[in-house]
Amino acid sequence: MKILVLNGPNLNQLGMREPDIYGLCTLKEIEEKLEQLAGELGVSLDHKQSNHEGQLIDWIHQAPDSYKAILFNPGALAHYSIAIRDAVASVVTPVVEVHMSNVHAREEFRQRLVITPVAAGQISGFGVDSYLLGLRAAVKLAK
């Protein structure tokens, strides 16, 4: 079973970007941790990151052809991208939305999430573990 792991804008800067909020773990290190867990769960992962909304939309649209679930950290797009929201709503592939920080305890503009209502679920506030918990949820939904 294959799971698509999508990361949105600025997540390629993890480890350098606001370490007081996001920690020092890089995206590559997160991917390595996900790969380790994927091995334990008996699934394979494809990792993709883009700073471009349209590219993320294309990958979401293509996902049903190859993937049983999507693990998705949309980054800041989670707060305003109706286009990403509509892409998630348009596919039958379950999407688990993850955020490293607790978006509900941050600035008011970060508390509005437009993708969450059409995602299968959302996990936030656990740092790197948000991804690992999200992967477990995605695998369960895919079965």
N, C-alpha and C. Protein backbone atom coordinates (compact mmCIF):
# COMPACT_ATOMS: atom_id res chain seq x y z
N MET A 1 0.84 -1.18 0.00
CA MET A 1 0.00 0.00 0.00
C MET A 1 0.89 1.24 0.00
N LYS A 2 0.53 2.22 -0.84
CA LYS A 2 1.32 3.44 -0.96
C LYS A 2 0.55 4.63 -0.39
N ILE A 3 1.28 5.46 0.34
CA ILE A 3 0.75 6.69 0.93
C ILE A 3 1.56 7.85 0.37
N LEU A 4 0.88 8.91 -0.02
CA LEU A 4 1.54 10.12 -0.49
C LEU A 4 1.71 11.08 0.68
N VAL A 5 2.93 11.56 0.88
CA VAL A 5 3.21 12.55 1.91
C VAL A 5 3.48 13.87 1.21
N LEU A 6 2.59 14.84 1.42
CA LEU A 6 2.70 16.16 0.79
C LEU A 6 3.06 17.21 1.83
N ASN A 7 3.96 18.08 1.48
CA ASN A 7 4.33 19.21 2.33
C ASN A 7 4.26 20.48 1.51
N GLY A 8 3.62 21.48 2.07
CA GLY A 8 3.41 22.74 1.39
C GLY A 8 4.51 23.76 1.61
N PRO A 9 4.18 25.02 1.38
CA PRO A 9 5.15 26.11 1.39
C PRO A 9 5.94 26.23 2.69
N ASN A 10 7.21 26.51 2.51
CA ASN A 10 8.16 26.81 3.58
C ASN A 10 8.56 25.62 4.43
N LEU A 11 7.96 24.46 4.21
CA LEU A 11 8.31 23.31 5.03
C LEU A 11 9.68 22.75 4.65
N ASN A 12 10.19 23.13 3.50
CA ASN A 12 11.57 22.80 3.14
C ASN A 12 12.57 23.57 4.01
N GLN A 13 12.08 24.53 4.77
CA GLN A 13 12.93 25.35 5.65
C GLN A 13 12.92 24.86 7.10
N LEU A 14 12.25 23.75 7.36
CA LEU A 14 12.24 23.23 8.73
C LEU A 14 13.67 22.97 9.20
N GLY A 15 13.89 23.19 10.46
CA GLY A 15 15.22 23.07 11.04
C GLY A 15 15.93 24.41 11.13
N MET A 16 15.53 25.34 10.23
CA MET A 16 16.08 26.70 10.23
C MET A 16 15.00 27.72 10.54
N ARG A 17 13.78 27.40 10.17
CA ARG A 17 12.66 28.34 10.25
C ARG A 17 12.04 28.31 11.66
N GLU A 18 12.06 29.42 12.33
CA GLU A 18 11.41 29.57 13.64
C GLU A 18 11.56 28.32 14.51
N PRO A 19 12.79 27.99 14.89
CA PRO A 19 13.00 26.76 15.66
C PRO A 19 12.28 26.75 17.01
N ASP A 20 11.96 27.92 17.54
CA ASP A 20 11.20 27.98 18.79
C ASP A 20 9.78 27.46 18.62
N ILE A 21 9.28 27.48 17.40
CA ILE A 21 7.92 26.97 17.11
C ILE A 21 7.99 25.57 16.51
N TYR A 22 8.89 25.37 15.54
CA TYR A 22 8.90 24.14 14.76
C TYR A 22 10.03 23.17 15.12
N GLY A 23 10.92 23.58 16.00
CA GLY A 23 12.02 22.71 16.40
C GLY A 23 13.17 22.74 15.41
N LEU A 24 14.11 21.85 15.60
CA LEU A 24 15.33 21.82 14.80
C LEU A 24 15.35 20.68 13.78
N CYS A 25 14.33 19.86 13.77
CA CYS A 25 14.27 18.72 12.85
C CYS A 25 14.01 19.22 11.43
N THR A 26 14.80 18.75 10.48
CA THR A 26 14.62 19.14 9.08
C THR A 26 13.53 18.28 8.43
N LEU A 27 13.07 18.71 7.27
CA LEU A 27 12.09 17.92 6.53
C LEU A 27 12.68 16.56 6.16
N LYS A 28 13.94 16.53 5.79
CA LYS A 28 14.59 15.25 5.46
C LYS A 28 14.57 14.31 6.67
N GLU A 29 14.82 14.85 7.86
CA GLU A 29 14.80 14.02 9.07
C GLU A 29 13.38 13.53 9.37
N ILE A 30 12.39 14.37 9.12
CA ILE A 30 11.00 13.94 9.30
C ILE A 30 10.68 12.81 8.32
N GLU A 31 11.12 12.96 7.08
CA GLU A 31 10.89 11.92 6.08
C GLU A 31 11.55 10.61 6.51
N GLU A 32 12.73 10.68 7.08
CA GLU A 32 13.42 9.48 7.56
C GLU A 32 12.64 8.80 8.68
N LYS A 33 12.11 9.59 9.60
CA LYS A 33 11.30 9.04 10.69
C LYS A 33 10.01 8.40 10.14
N LEU A 34 9.41 9.05 9.15
CA LEU A 34 8.22 8.49 8.52
C LEU A 34 8.54 7.19 7.81
N GLU A 35 9.67 7.13 7.14
CA GLU A 35 10.07 5.91 6.44
C GLU A 35 10.27 4.76 7.42
N GLN A 36 10.86 5.06 8.56
CA GLN A 36 11.05 4.02 9.57
C GLN A 36 9.71 3.48 10.05
N LEU A 37 8.77 4.38 10.35
CA LEU A 37 7.44 3.94 10.79
C LEU A 37 6.71 3.22 9.67
N ALA A 38 6.84 3.71 8.45
CA ALA A 38 6.19 3.05 7.30
C ALA A 38 6.65 1.61 7.18
N GLY A 39 7.93 1.38 7.41
CA GLY A 39 8.46 0.02 7.36
C GLY A 39 7.81 -0.87 8.41
N GLU A 40 7.63 -0.32 9.60
CA GLU A 40 6.98 -1.07 10.67
C GLU A 40 5.52 -1.36 10.35
N LEU A 41 4.89 -0.42 9.64
CA LEU A 41 3.46 -0.57 9.32
C LEU A 41 3.23 -1.32 8.00
N GLY A 42 4.30 -1.61 7.29
CA GLY A 42 4.18 -2.35 6.04
C GLY A 42 3.62 -1.56 4.88
N VAL A 43 3.91 -0.26 4.83
CA VAL A 43 3.45 0.58 3.73
C VAL A 43 4.65 1.28 3.11
N SER A 44 4.46 1.79 1.90
CA SER A 44 5.51 2.58 1.27
C SER A 44 5.02 4.02 1.11
N LEU A 45 5.98 4.93 1.10
CA LEU A 45 5.67 6.36 1.04
C LEU A 45 6.36 7.01 -0.15
N ASP A 46 5.70 8.01 -0.71
CA ASP A 46 6.32 8.93 -1.64
C ASP A 46 6.23 10.31 -1.01
N HIS A 47 7.36 11.02 -0.95
CA HIS A 47 7.42 12.34 -0.32
C HIS A 47 7.53 13.42 -1.39
N LYS A 48 6.70 14.45 -1.24
CA LYS A 48 6.76 15.58 -2.17
C LYS A 48 6.56 16.87 -1.37
N GLN A 49 7.30 17.90 -1.78
CA GLN A 49 7.16 19.22 -1.16
C GLN A 49 7.17 20.25 -2.25
N SER A 50 6.31 21.25 -2.12
CA SER A 50 6.31 22.35 -3.07
C SER A 50 5.91 23.64 -2.37
N ASN A 51 6.50 24.71 -2.85
CA ASN A 51 6.11 26.05 -2.41
C ASN A 51 5.05 26.64 -3.33
N HIS A 52 4.54 25.82 -4.26
CA HIS A 52 3.62 26.30 -5.28
C HIS A 52 2.26 25.61 -5.15
N GLU A 53 1.25 26.39 -4.95
CA GLU A 53 -0.11 25.89 -4.74
C GLU A 53 -0.57 24.99 -5.88
N GLY A 54 -0.35 25.41 -7.11
CA GLY A 54 -0.80 24.63 -8.26
C GLY A 54 -0.17 23.26 -8.34
N GLN A 55 1.11 23.17 -7.97
CA GLN A 55 1.79 21.87 -7.98
C GLN A 55 1.15 20.93 -6.96
N LEU A 56 0.85 21.45 -5.78
CA LEU A 56 0.19 20.63 -4.75
C LEU A 56 -1.17 20.15 -5.23
N ILE A 57 -1.91 21.02 -5.88
CA ILE A 57 -3.22 20.66 -6.42
C ILE A 57 -3.08 19.54 -7.45
N ASP A 58 -2.12 19.67 -8.34
CA ASP A 58 -1.90 18.61 -9.34
C ASP A 58 -1.60 17.28 -8.68
N TRP A 59 -0.75 17.27 -7.67
CA TRP A 59 -0.43 16.02 -6.97
C TRP A 59 -1.65 15.44 -6.27
N ILE A 60 -2.47 16.28 -5.68
CA ILE A 60 -3.70 15.79 -5.03
C ILE A 60 -4.63 15.17 -6.06
N HIS A 61 -4.79 15.85 -7.20
CA HIS A 61 -5.66 15.32 -8.26
C HIS A 61 -5.17 13.97 -8.78
N GLN A 62 -3.87 13.78 -8.86
CA GLN A 62 -3.29 12.55 -9.39
C GLN A 62 -3.26 11.41 -8.36
N ALA A 63 -3.41 11.73 -7.10
CA ALA A 63 -3.24 10.75 -6.02
C ALA A 63 -4.13 9.51 -6.15
N PRO A 64 -5.40 9.63 -6.49
CA PRO A 64 -6.24 8.43 -6.52
C PRO A 64 -5.74 7.33 -7.47
N ASP A 65 -4.93 7.68 -8.44
CA ASP A 65 -4.40 6.69 -9.38
C ASP A 65 -3.35 5.79 -8.74
N SER A 66 -2.68 6.26 -7.69
CA SER A 66 -1.54 5.52 -7.15
C SER A 66 -1.51 5.34 -5.64
N TYR A 67 -2.30 6.11 -4.90
CA TYR A 67 -2.17 6.13 -3.45
C TYR A 67 -3.48 5.82 -2.75
N LYS A 68 -3.36 5.18 -1.59
CA LYS A 68 -4.54 4.83 -0.79
C LYS A 68 -4.88 5.92 0.22
N ALA A 69 -3.95 6.84 0.50
CA ALA A 69 -4.19 7.95 1.42
C ALA A 69 -3.13 9.02 1.19
N ILE A 70 -3.43 10.22 1.70
CA ILE A 70 -2.50 11.34 1.62
C ILE A 70 -2.29 11.87 3.03
N LEU A 71 -1.04 12.02 3.40
CA LEU A 71 -0.65 12.70 4.64
C LEU A 71 -0.19 14.07 4.20
N PHE A 72 -0.83 15.13 4.69
CA PHE A 72 -0.66 16.46 4.10
C PHE A 72 -0.46 17.53 5.15
N ASN A 73 0.70 18.19 5.08
CA ASN A 73 0.91 19.41 5.85
C ASN A 73 0.87 20.55 4.84
N PRO A 74 -0.26 21.25 4.75
CA PRO A 74 -0.38 22.31 3.76
C PRO A 74 0.32 23.60 4.16
N GLY A 75 0.90 23.66 5.36
CA GLY A 75 1.54 24.89 5.81
C GLY A 75 0.51 26.02 5.85
N ALA A 76 0.95 27.20 5.50
CA ALA A 76 0.09 28.38 5.57
C ALA A 76 -1.12 28.30 4.64
N LEU A 77 -1.05 27.46 3.60
CA LEU A 77 -2.19 27.32 2.69
C LEU A 77 -3.42 26.80 3.41
N ALA A 78 -3.22 26.15 4.55
CA ALA A 78 -4.35 25.61 5.32
C ALA A 78 -5.31 26.71 5.77
N HIS A 79 -4.82 27.93 5.84
CA HIS A 79 -5.61 29.01 6.41
C HIS A 79 -6.39 29.82 5.38
N TYR A 80 -6.05 29.65 4.09
CA TYR A 80 -6.73 30.51 3.12
C TYR A 80 -6.93 29.90 1.73
N SER A 81 -6.37 28.75 1.44
CA SER A 81 -6.43 28.25 0.07
C SER A 81 -7.71 27.46 -0.20
N ILE A 82 -8.66 28.14 -0.76
CA ILE A 82 -9.90 27.49 -1.18
C ILE A 82 -9.60 26.52 -2.32
N ALA A 83 -8.61 26.83 -3.15
CA ALA A 83 -8.24 25.94 -4.25
C ALA A 83 -7.72 24.60 -3.73
N ILE A 84 -6.89 24.62 -2.70
CA ILE A 84 -6.41 23.37 -2.09
C ILE A 84 -7.58 22.65 -1.43
N ARG A 85 -8.42 23.39 -0.73
CA ARG A 85 -9.60 22.79 -0.09
C ARG A 85 -10.45 22.07 -1.13
N ASP A 86 -10.69 22.71 -2.26
CA ASP A 86 -11.52 22.11 -3.31
C ASP A 86 -10.83 20.89 -3.92
N ALA A 87 -9.52 20.91 -4.04
CA ALA A 87 -8.78 19.75 -4.55
C ALA A 87 -8.94 18.57 -3.61
N VAL A 88 -8.78 18.81 -2.31
CA VAL A 88 -8.95 17.73 -1.32
C VAL A 88 -10.37 17.18 -1.38
N ALA A 89 -11.34 18.07 -1.49
CA ALA A 89 -12.75 17.64 -1.55
C ALA A 89 -13.05 16.86 -2.83
N SER A 90 -12.26 17.06 -3.87
CA SER A 90 -12.56 16.45 -5.17
C SER A 90 -12.06 15.02 -5.31
N VAL A 91 -11.24 14.54 -4.38
CA VAL A 91 -10.69 13.19 -4.51
C VAL A 91 -11.29 12.26 -3.46
N VAL A 92 -11.38 10.99 -3.82
CA VAL A 92 -11.90 9.99 -2.88
C VAL A 92 -10.82 9.51 -1.91
N THR A 93 -9.58 9.78 -2.23
CA THR A 93 -8.46 9.37 -1.39
C THR A 93 -8.54 10.12 -0.06
N PRO A 94 -8.54 9.41 1.08
CA PRO A 94 -8.60 10.11 2.37
C PRO A 94 -7.34 10.95 2.60
N VAL A 95 -7.55 12.15 3.14
CA VAL A 95 -6.46 13.09 3.43
C VAL A 95 -6.42 13.33 4.93
N VAL A 96 -5.25 13.11 5.52
CA VAL A 96 -5.02 13.43 6.93
C VAL A 96 -4.16 14.69 6.95
N GLU A 97 -4.71 15.76 7.50
CA GLU A 97 -4.01 17.05 7.58
C GLU A 97 -3.20 17.08 8.87
N VAL A 98 -1.94 17.50 8.77
CA VAL A 98 -1.10 17.60 9.96
C VAL A 98 -0.44 18.96 10.03
N HIS A 99 -0.22 19.39 11.27
CA HIS A 99 0.52 20.62 11.56
C HIS A 99 1.40 20.36 12.76
N MET A 100 2.63 20.81 12.71
CA MET A 100 3.55 20.60 13.81
C MET A 100 3.17 21.43 15.03
N SER A 101 2.76 22.66 14.81
CA SER A 101 2.39 23.53 15.93
C SER A 101 0.89 23.39 16.21
N ASN A 102 0.50 23.81 17.39
CA ASN A 102 -0.92 23.83 17.73
C ASN A 102 -1.53 25.09 17.13
N VAL A 103 -2.06 24.95 15.93
CA VAL A 103 -2.59 26.11 15.21
C VAL A 103 -3.75 26.76 15.96
N HIS A 104 -4.42 26.01 16.79
CA HIS A 104 -5.57 26.54 17.53
C HIS A 104 -5.15 27.44 18.69
N ALA A 105 -3.88 27.41 19.05
CA ALA A 105 -3.37 28.23 20.15
C ALA A 105 -2.47 29.36 19.63
N ARG A 106 -2.44 29.55 18.34
CA ARG A 106 -1.57 30.57 17.75
C ARG A 106 -2.37 31.80 17.35
N GLU A 107 -1.81 32.59 16.46
CA GLU A 107 -2.46 33.83 16.02
C GLU A 107 -3.85 33.53 15.48
N GLU A 108 -4.73 34.50 15.59
CA GLU A 108 -6.12 34.31 15.17
C GLU A 108 -6.22 33.86 13.71
N PHE A 109 -5.41 34.43 12.83
CA PHE A 109 -5.49 34.05 11.42
C PHE A 109 -5.09 32.61 11.18
N ARG A 110 -4.28 32.02 12.07
CA ARG A 110 -3.88 30.62 11.92
C ARG A 110 -4.94 29.65 12.47
N GLN A 111 -5.89 30.17 13.20
CA GLN A 111 -6.92 29.31 13.78
C GLN A 111 -8.03 28.99 12.78
N ARG A 112 -8.09 29.71 11.70
CA ARG A 112 -9.07 29.42 10.64
C ARG A 112 -8.44 28.43 9.68
N LEU A 113 -9.04 27.28 9.56
CA LEU A 113 -8.52 26.21 8.71
C LEU A 113 -9.57 25.86 7.67
N VAL A 114 -9.25 26.09 6.41
CA VAL A 114 -10.25 25.85 5.36
C VAL A 114 -10.19 24.43 4.80
N ILE A 115 -9.09 23.72 5.01
CA ILE A 115 -8.96 22.36 4.49
C ILE A 115 -9.53 21.33 5.46
N THR A 116 -9.41 21.59 6.73
CA THR A 116 -9.83 20.63 7.76
C THR A 116 -11.26 20.10 7.56
N PRO A 117 -12.24 20.93 7.21
CA PRO A 117 -13.60 20.39 7.07
C PRO A 117 -13.76 19.33 5.98
N VAL A 118 -12.86 19.30 5.00
CA VAL A 118 -12.99 18.30 3.93
C VAL A 118 -11.94 17.20 4.05
N ALA A 119 -11.05 17.30 5.02
CA ALA A 119 -10.06 16.25 5.28
C ALA A 119 -10.72 15.15 6.11
N ALA A 120 -10.12 13.98 6.08
CA ALA A 120 -10.64 12.88 6.91
C ALA A 120 -10.41 13.18 8.38
N GLY A 121 -9.36 13.94 8.68
CA GLY A 121 -9.06 14.32 10.05
C GLY A 121 -7.86 15.24 10.07
N GLN A 122 -7.59 15.79 11.28
CA GLN A 122 -6.48 16.73 11.42
C GLN A 122 -5.78 16.48 12.75
N ILE A 123 -4.45 16.55 12.71
CA ILE A 123 -3.62 16.38 13.91
C ILE A 123 -2.68 17.56 13.97
N SER A 124 -2.64 18.22 15.13
CA SER A 124 -1.73 19.36 15.26
C SER A 124 -1.20 19.47 16.67
N GLY A 125 -0.04 20.12 16.78
CA GLY A 125 0.49 20.47 18.08
C GLY A 125 1.49 19.51 18.68
N PHE A 126 1.87 18.48 17.96
CA PHE A 126 2.77 17.47 18.52
C PHE A 126 4.14 17.45 17.85
N GLY A 127 4.49 18.54 17.17
CA GLY A 127 5.78 18.59 16.50
C GLY A 127 5.91 17.50 15.47
N VAL A 128 7.07 16.87 15.42
CA VAL A 128 7.31 15.78 14.46
C VAL A 128 6.32 14.65 14.67
N ASP A 129 5.91 14.43 15.90
CA ASP A 129 4.96 13.35 16.18
C ASP A 129 3.61 13.57 15.49
N SER A 130 3.28 14.81 15.13
CA SER A 130 2.05 15.02 14.35
C SER A 130 2.10 14.23 13.05
N TYR A 131 3.25 14.20 12.42
CA TYR A 131 3.41 13.41 11.19
C TYR A 131 3.27 11.92 11.47
N LEU A 132 3.90 11.45 12.54
CA LEU A 132 3.86 10.02 12.84
C LEU A 132 2.46 9.57 13.22
N LEU A 133 1.77 10.37 14.03
CA LEU A 133 0.38 10.06 14.37
C LEU A 133 -0.49 10.13 13.12
N GLY A 134 -0.21 11.11 12.27
CA GLY A 134 -0.96 11.24 11.02
C GLY A 134 -0.77 10.05 10.10
N LEU A 135 0.46 9.53 10.04
CA LEU A 135 0.71 8.36 9.21
C LEU A 135 -0.08 7.16 9.73
N ARG A 136 -0.09 6.97 11.02
CA ARG A 136 -0.87 5.87 11.60
C ARG A 136 -2.35 6.02 11.22
N ALA A 137 -2.87 7.22 11.30
CA ALA A 137 -4.27 7.47 10.94
C ALA A 137 -4.51 7.21 9.46
N ALA A 138 -3.58 7.68 8.63
CA ALA A 138 -3.74 7.48 7.17
C ALA A 138 -3.75 6.00 6.81
N VAL A 139 -2.87 5.24 7.43
CA VAL A 139 -2.82 3.80 7.16
C VAL A 139 -4.13 3.14 7.59
N LYS A 140 -4.64 3.52 8.74
CA LYS A 140 -5.90 2.94 9.22
C LYS A 140 -7.05 3.28 8.27
N LEU A 141 -7.09 4.52 7.81
CA LEU A 141 -8.14 4.93 6.88
C LEU A 141 -8.03 4.20 5.53
N ALA A 142 -6.81 3.93 5.12
CA ALA A 142 -6.58 3.31 3.81
C ALA A 142 -6.97 1.83 3.79
N LYS A 143 -7.02 1.20 4.95
CA LYS A 143 -7.31 -0.24 4.99
C LYS A 143 -8.78 -0.53 4.86
